[in-house]
Amino acid sequence: MKRRSFFTLLGGAVALPFTAHAQQASMPVIGFLHSASLEPNAKRLTGFRKGLRQAGFIEGQNVAIEFRWASGQNARLPELAADLIQRPVAVIATLSSTPATLAAKAATATIPIFFLIAEDPVELGLVASIARPGGNVTGISSQNVELVAKRLGLLRELAPQAGNIAVLLNSSNPNAKPVSRMLQAAAATLGVQLNVMEANTDPEIETAFLSLKPGRPLLVGTDPSFFARRASLVALAARHAVPAMYDNRESPDLGGLMSYGQNTESSWEQAGMLVGRILQGEKPANLPVVQPTKFEFVINLKTAKALGVDVPPSVVARADEVIE
């Protein structure tokens, strides 16, 4: 009996590594594709991992994440997407990066893709409809493109005497043209002229700021590379005495004047939860595109004072957060 027990134990001991290897091999892998880099998105990734945990997935325990960062080189995205597909991955997440979403969509019609974008996913051809995506793609549409008119209106209230407002867009971003059209329509309603500047490199951005007169209001467009450069954009606005509006609340935290938009960190957390549902077997075709209903308006009054900007009490009263 002892001899038999010994061999039974020995057999179990030999089998354990194979069992562990099988479990590791069956661990689902999330392919994370982004047009920017890790550093500016580190805090947002904390939210994404938190959402995954709420769905029952912990990185390194029962799910793995393969990251592919293009570091601002959008031309690399198709190659990076193809690399993830060869991995292979169970789902591809493309958060706050429309170029990455389009690259993933072009690379596969079968692997689930979950996006967080600013544009209308129907117009981009990503889904058949908001309620019934119908394919392998679904996600969250933050409506940031639609919110540009709101941001322009707030800038107009802040500087009612300004007859001209500058806009900074990245021409390489797919949202540049629809944003420009929307802003021109909104500007006509507000009775203000727009000076649309396009830039996608550091020298081009610095040249754009050099063209602005002190006190000239500026609206910074929605773009992953602009978010990655938020600290330098805030510094340039301070150096040139430009009152600027941003789409992310992180910019006022760094000293930017104000922002209006969705809480992106919370959106990444929600994305983690929904990606978890896909890992559990739900099909993107049956997961409606989520649209946010709550937005944040943040004002930095310390920056306003430094710029010599008198923020109307009516504008301050509507702010969700005031930094003093």
Protein backbone atom coordinates (compact mmCIF):
# COMPACT_ATOMS: atom_id res chain seq x y z
CA MET A 1 0.00 0.00 0.00
CA LYS A 2 2.80 2.37 0.82
CA ARG A 3 4.53 1.54 -2.46
CA ARG A 4 1.28 2.21 -4.38
CA SER A 5 0.74 5.46 -2.47
CA PHE A 6 4.28 6.54 -3.31
CA PHE A 7 3.74 6.09 -7.05
CA THR A 8 0.35 7.82 -6.84
CA LEU A 9 1.97 10.80 -5.17
CA LEU A 10 4.84 10.74 -7.61
CA GLY A 11 2.40 10.67 -10.53
CA GLY A 12 0.54 13.62 -9.05
CA ALA A 13 3.77 15.51 -8.57
CA VAL A 14 4.79 14.92 -12.18
CA ALA A 15 1.36 15.97 -13.43
CA LEU A 16 1.30 19.29 -11.60
CA PRO A 17 3.61 21.22 -13.93
CA PHE A 18 1.61 20.09 -16.96
CA THR A 19 -1.63 21.13 -15.28
CA ALA A 20 -0.19 24.52 -14.39
CA HIS A 21 1.07 24.92 -17.95
CA ALA A 22 -2.36 24.06 -19.34
CA GLN A 23 -4.02 26.62 -17.07
CA GLN A 24 -1.51 29.28 -18.10
CA ALA A 25 -1.99 28.47 -21.77
CA SER A 26 -5.75 28.82 -21.44
CA MET A 27 -5.53 32.22 -19.74
CA PRO A 28 -7.31 34.75 -21.98
CA VAL A 29 -5.19 37.54 -23.39
CA ILE A 30 -6.36 41.12 -23.93
CA GLY A 31 -4.58 42.90 -26.75
CA PHE A 32 -4.25 46.59 -25.86
CA LEU A 33 -3.57 48.82 -28.87
CA HIS A 34 -2.96 52.57 -28.58
CA SER A 35 -1.54 55.31 -30.76
CA ALA A 36 0.27 57.08 -27.89
CA SER A 37 2.48 55.73 -25.08
CA LEU A 38 2.16 54.27 -21.61
CA GLU A 39 3.28 57.17 -19.43
CA PRO A 40 0.45 59.67 -20.12
CA ASN A 41 -2.14 56.88 -19.84
CA ALA A 42 -0.84 55.15 -16.70
CA LYS A 43 -3.53 56.58 -14.42
CA ARG A 44 -6.27 55.67 -16.87
CA LEU A 45 -4.95 52.11 -17.04
CA THR A 46 -5.49 51.87 -13.29
CA GLY A 47 -9.18 52.48 -13.98
CA PHE A 48 -9.20 49.85 -16.74
CA ARG A 49 -7.68 47.24 -14.44
CA LYS A 50 -10.16 48.19 -11.73
CA GLY A 51 -13.02 47.55 -14.14
CA LEU A 52 -11.56 44.19 -15.09
CA ARG A 53 -11.37 43.23 -11.41
CA GLN A 54 -15.02 44.12 -10.97
CA ALA A 55 -15.78 41.72 -13.83
CA GLY A 56 -13.73 39.01 -12.09
CA PHE A 57 -10.45 39.31 -14.00
CA ILE A 58 -7.11 40.07 -12.37
CA GLU A 59 -4.08 40.64 -14.54
CA GLY A 60 -1.50 37.93 -14.06
CA GLN A 61 -3.93 35.59 -12.31
CA ASN A 62 -6.70 34.78 -14.77
CA VAL A 63 -6.09 37.26 -17.58
CA ALA A 64 -3.04 38.65 -19.38
CA ILE A 65 -2.67 41.97 -21.20
CA GLU A 66 -0.39 42.44 -24.20
CA PHE A 67 0.34 46.14 -24.76
CA ARG A 68 1.23 47.66 -28.12
CA TRP A 69 2.00 51.39 -28.03
CA ALA A 70 2.64 53.29 -31.28
CA SER A 71 4.24 56.23 -29.41
CA GLY A 72 2.62 58.76 -31.70
CA GLN A 73 3.56 56.93 -34.91
CA ASN A 74 0.14 56.03 -36.29
CA ALA A 75 1.68 54.41 -39.36
CA ARG A 76 2.85 51.58 -37.07
CA LEU A 77 -0.67 50.72 -35.89
CA PRO A 78 -1.54 48.21 -38.67
CA GLU A 79 1.68 46.31 -37.95
CA LEU A 80 1.02 46.34 -34.20
CA ALA A 81 -2.57 45.19 -34.72
CA ALA A 82 -1.39 42.31 -36.91
CA ASP A 83 1.11 41.34 -34.23
CA LEU A 84 -1.64 41.11 -31.61
CA ILE A 85 -3.76 38.97 -33.90
CA GLN A 86 -0.86 36.56 -34.36
CA ARG A 87 -0.42 36.37 -30.57
CA PRO A 88 -3.44 35.48 -30.60
CA VAL A 89 -5.68 37.54 -28.31
CA ALA A 90 -9.24 37.02 -27.07
CA VAL A 91 -10.22 40.68 -27.44
CA ILE A 92 -8.56 43.92 -28.58
CA ALA A 93 -9.08 47.09 -26.50
CA THR A 94 -8.49 50.47 -28.17
CA LEU A 95 -9.24 53.14 -25.57
CA SER A 96 -9.12 56.87 -26.32
CA SER A 97 -7.46 56.21 -29.67
CA THR A 98 -9.56 56.37 -32.83
CA PRO A 99 -6.58 55.62 -35.11
CA ALA A 100 -5.94 52.40 -33.14
CA THR A 101 -9.61 51.43 -33.38
CA LEU A 102 -9.63 51.86 -37.15
CA ALA A 103 -6.40 49.87 -37.47
CA ALA A 104 -7.82 47.01 -35.39
CA LYS A 105 -11.07 47.02 -37.37
CA ALA A 106 -9.12 46.81 -40.64
CA ALA A 107 -7.01 43.95 -39.28
CA THR A 108 -9.74 41.55 -38.14
CA ALA A 109 -13.42 40.87 -38.66
CA THR A 110 -13.56 38.05 -36.12
CA ILE A 111 -11.65 38.97 -32.95
CA PRO A 112 -13.80 41.14 -30.64
CA ILE A 113 -12.77 44.80 -30.51
CA PHE A 114 -13.76 47.20 -27.74
CA PHE A 115 -13.26 50.93 -28.31
CA LEU A 116 -13.52 54.19 -26.41
CA ILE A 117 -13.68 56.96 -29.00
CA ALA A 118 -14.85 60.53 -29.38
CA GLU A 119 -16.58 60.12 -32.74
CA ASP A 120 -19.83 58.59 -33.93
CA PRO A 121 -18.95 54.88 -34.47
CA VAL A 122 -21.75 54.52 -37.04
CA GLU A 123 -20.31 57.30 -39.22
CA LEU A 124 -16.87 55.70 -38.95
CA GLY A 125 -18.29 52.38 -40.13
CA LEU A 126 -17.35 50.57 -36.93
CA VAL A 127 -20.88 49.44 -36.03
CA ALA A 128 -24.19 49.06 -37.83
CA SER A 129 -26.04 51.01 -35.14
CA ILE A 130 -25.63 52.18 -31.55
CA ALA A 131 -28.24 49.74 -30.23
CA ARG A 132 -27.18 46.78 -32.38
CA PRO A 133 -23.51 46.93 -33.36
CA GLY A 134 -23.93 43.78 -35.44
CA GLY A 135 -20.29 42.79 -35.91
CA ASN A 136 -17.14 42.18 -33.91
CA VAL A 137 -16.86 45.76 -32.64
CA THR A 138 -18.55 47.66 -29.82
CA GLY A 139 -17.55 50.09 -27.09
CA ILE A 140 -18.09 53.54 -25.62
CA SER A 141 -18.67 56.68 -27.66
CA SER A 142 -17.69 59.58 -25.42
CA GLN A 143 -19.39 62.13 -27.70
CA ASN A 144 -16.36 64.41 -27.39
CA VAL A 145 -16.72 65.50 -31.01
CA GLU A 146 -20.28 66.63 -30.33
CA LEU A 147 -19.10 68.42 -27.18
CA VAL A 148 -16.80 70.79 -29.04
CA ALA A 149 -19.70 73.16 -29.65
CA LYS A 150 -20.33 73.26 -25.88
CA ARG A 151 -16.67 74.00 -25.24
CA LEU A 152 -16.71 76.76 -27.83
CA GLY A 153 -19.77 78.29 -26.17
CA LEU A 154 -18.07 78.31 -22.76
CA LEU A 155 -15.02 80.02 -24.24
CA ARG A 156 -17.30 82.61 -25.80
CA GLU A 157 -18.91 83.28 -22.42
CA LEU A 158 -15.49 83.60 -20.85
CA ALA A 159 -14.34 86.16 -23.43
CA PRO A 160 -17.48 87.77 -24.92
CA GLN A 161 -15.40 90.61 -26.39
CA ALA A 162 -13.27 88.21 -28.43
CA GLY A 163 -14.38 88.23 -32.04
CA ASN A 164 -11.97 85.47 -32.99
CA ILE A 165 -11.26 82.16 -31.27
CA ALA A 166 -8.37 79.88 -32.18
CA VAL A 167 -8.73 76.10 -32.51
CA LEU A 168 -5.87 73.60 -32.39
CA LEU A 169 -6.47 70.32 -34.26
CA ASN A 170 -4.32 67.37 -35.28
CA SER A 171 -4.85 66.93 -39.03
CA SER A 172 -3.72 63.29 -38.86
CA ASN A 173 -6.61 62.41 -36.55
CA PRO A 174 -9.79 61.15 -38.30
CA ASN A 175 -11.89 63.47 -36.16
CA ALA A 176 -10.22 66.67 -37.42
CA LYS A 177 -12.58 67.31 -40.35
CA PRO A 178 -15.88 66.53 -38.55
CA VAL A 179 -14.74 68.63 -35.58
CA SER A 180 -13.85 71.53 -37.86
CA ARG A 181 -17.27 71.36 -39.57
CA MET A 182 -19.08 71.24 -36.25
CA LEU A 183 -17.12 74.16 -34.86
CA GLN A 184 -17.71 76.31 -37.91
CA ALA A 185 -21.46 75.73 -37.59
CA ALA A 186 -21.36 76.54 -33.87
CA ALA A 187 -19.22 79.62 -34.48
CA ALA A 188 -21.75 80.96 -36.99
CA THR A 189 -24.49 80.61 -34.38
CA LEU A 190 -22.37 82.35 -31.74
CA GLY A 191 -21.31 85.12 -34.11
CA VAL A 192 -17.59 84.46 -33.73
CA GLN A 193 -14.80 83.84 -36.24
CA LEU A 194 -12.55 80.79 -35.98
CA ASN A 195 -8.86 80.46 -36.71
CA VAL A 196 -8.31 76.72 -37.17
CA MET A 197 -4.67 75.70 -36.74
CA GLU A 198 -3.44 72.21 -37.58
CA ALA A 199 -0.38 70.74 -35.91
CA ASN A 200 0.86 67.25 -35.06
CA THR A 201 4.51 67.75 -34.07
CA ASP A 202 6.12 69.72 -31.24
CA PRO A 203 7.61 72.37 -33.56
CA GLU A 204 4.26 72.82 -35.33
CA ILE A 205 2.47 73.21 -32.01
CA GLU A 206 4.99 75.79 -30.79
CA THR A 207 4.62 77.69 -34.07
CA ALA A 208 0.84 77.69 -33.64
CA PHE A 209 1.14 79.24 -30.17
CA LEU A 210 3.59 81.85 -31.45
CA SER A 211 0.88 83.03 -33.84
CA LEU A 212 -1.54 83.73 -30.98
CA LYS A 213 -1.82 87.12 -29.34
CA PRO A 214 -1.94 87.23 -25.53
CA GLY A 215 -5.50 86.88 -24.30
CA ARG A 216 -6.67 85.14 -27.48
CA PRO A 217 -8.99 82.24 -26.49
CA LEU A 218 -7.93 78.78 -27.67
CA LEU A 219 -9.85 75.52 -27.93
CA VAL A 220 -7.60 72.44 -27.92
CA GLY A 221 -9.08 69.57 -29.93
CA THR A 222 -9.57 65.98 -28.83
CA ASP A 223 -6.54 63.90 -29.79
CA PRO A 224 -4.39 61.19 -28.09
CA SER A 225 -1.17 63.04 -28.92
CA PHE A 226 -2.55 66.28 -27.45
CA PHE A 227 -3.43 64.41 -24.27
CA ALA A 228 0.08 62.98 -24.14
CA ARG A 229 1.41 66.54 -24.53
CA ARG A 230 -1.02 68.07 -22.04
CA ALA A 231 1.74 69.33 -19.72
CA SER A 232 3.57 71.10 -22.56
CA LEU A 233 0.29 72.50 -23.96
CA VAL A 234 -0.60 73.95 -20.54
CA ALA A 235 2.91 75.38 -20.23
CA LEU A 236 2.70 76.97 -23.70
CA ALA A 237 -0.68 78.49 -22.88
CA ALA A 238 0.75 80.01 -19.69
CA ARG A 239 3.87 81.29 -21.49
CA HIS A 240 1.85 83.00 -24.22
CA ALA A 241 -0.95 84.15 -21.86
CA VAL A 242 -3.57 82.17 -23.77
CA PRO A 243 -6.85 81.20 -22.02
CA ALA A 244 -7.40 77.65 -23.24
CA MET A 245 -10.20 75.09 -23.08
CA TYR A 246 -9.38 71.36 -22.99
CA ASP A 247 -11.38 68.15 -23.32
CA ASN A 248 -9.83 66.46 -20.25
CA ARG A 249 -9.92 67.43 -16.59
CA GLU A 250 -6.26 66.42 -16.17
CA SER A 251 -5.25 69.64 -17.93
CA PRO A 252 -6.79 72.02 -15.33
CA ASP A 253 -5.12 69.86 -12.67
CA LEU A 254 -1.82 70.76 -14.34
CA GLY A 255 -2.66 74.47 -14.51
CA GLY A 256 -4.84 74.68 -17.61
CA LEU A 257 -7.70 77.17 -17.46
CA MET A 258 -10.73 74.89 -17.94
CA SER A 259 -12.08 71.69 -19.40
CA TYR A 260 -15.40 70.15 -20.33
CA GLY A 261 -15.93 66.48 -21.06
CA GLN A 262 -16.43 63.03 -19.72
CA ASN A 263 -14.38 61.70 -16.81
CA THR A 264 -12.08 59.53 -18.91
CA GLU A 265 -10.66 57.57 -16.00
CA SER A 266 -14.18 56.44 -15.11
CA SER A 267 -14.78 55.58 -18.78
CA TRP A 268 -11.69 53.37 -18.82
CA GLU A 269 -12.98 51.64 -15.70
CA GLN A 270 -16.32 51.05 -17.42
CA ALA A 271 -14.44 49.77 -20.46
CA GLY A 272 -12.65 47.24 -18.23
CA MET A 273 -15.97 45.93 -16.95
CA LEU A 274 -17.39 45.58 -20.47
CA VAL A 275 -14.24 43.92 -21.82
CA GLY A 276 -14.66 41.48 -18.91
CA ARG A 277 -18.15 40.66 -20.15
CA ILE A 278 -16.74 39.89 -23.59
CA LEU A 279 -14.15 37.60 -21.99
CA GLN A 280 -17.04 35.86 -20.25
CA GLY A 281 -18.57 35.05 -23.62
CA GLU A 282 -20.81 37.99 -24.58
CA LYS A 283 -20.66 38.98 -28.24
CA PRO A 284 -19.86 42.56 -29.31
CA ALA A 285 -22.74 42.32 -31.80
CA ASN A 286 -25.15 42.10 -28.85
CA LEU A 287 -23.53 44.75 -26.63
CA PRO A 288 -24.96 48.21 -27.43
CA VAL A 289 -22.51 51.08 -27.73
CA VAL A 290 -22.52 52.96 -24.41
CA GLN A 291 -23.09 56.70 -24.46
CA PRO A 292 -22.31 58.82 -21.38
CA THR A 293 -24.91 61.05 -19.77
CA LYS A 294 -22.74 62.95 -17.27
CA PHE A 295 -19.96 65.42 -18.09
CA GLU A 296 -17.55 67.49 -15.99
CA PHE A 297 -16.88 71.19 -16.25
CA VAL A 298 -13.69 72.17 -14.39
CA ILE A 299 -12.28 75.69 -13.94
CA ASN A 300 -8.90 76.65 -12.49
CA LEU A 301 -9.44 80.10 -10.94
CA LYS A 302 -5.79 80.33 -9.92
CA THR A 303 -4.86 80.13 -13.60
CA ALA A 304 -7.59 82.61 -14.51
CA LYS A 305 -6.10 85.11 -12.05
CA ALA A 306 -2.60 84.59 -13.45
CA LEU A 307 -3.92 85.20 -16.97
CA GLY A 308 -5.91 88.24 -15.90
CA VAL A 309 -9.15 86.55 -16.96
CA ASP A 310 -12.31 87.60 -15.12
CA VAL A 311 -14.50 84.49 -15.07
CA PRO A 312 -18.19 85.48 -14.97
CA PRO A 313 -20.01 84.26 -11.82
CA SER A 314 -22.58 82.53 -14.03
CA VAL A 315 -19.82 80.38 -15.53
CA VAL A 316 -18.28 79.57 -12.12
CA ALA A 317 -21.72 78.58 -10.81
CA ARG A 318 -22.05 75.92 -13.52
CA ALA A 319 -18.67 74.34 -12.82
CA ASP A 320 -18.60 70.85 -11.31
CA GLU A 321 -15.22 71.59 -9.78
CA VAL A 322 -13.41 74.86 -9.11
CA ILE A 323 -9.65 74.78 -8.50
CA GLU A 324 -8.50 77.72 -6.35
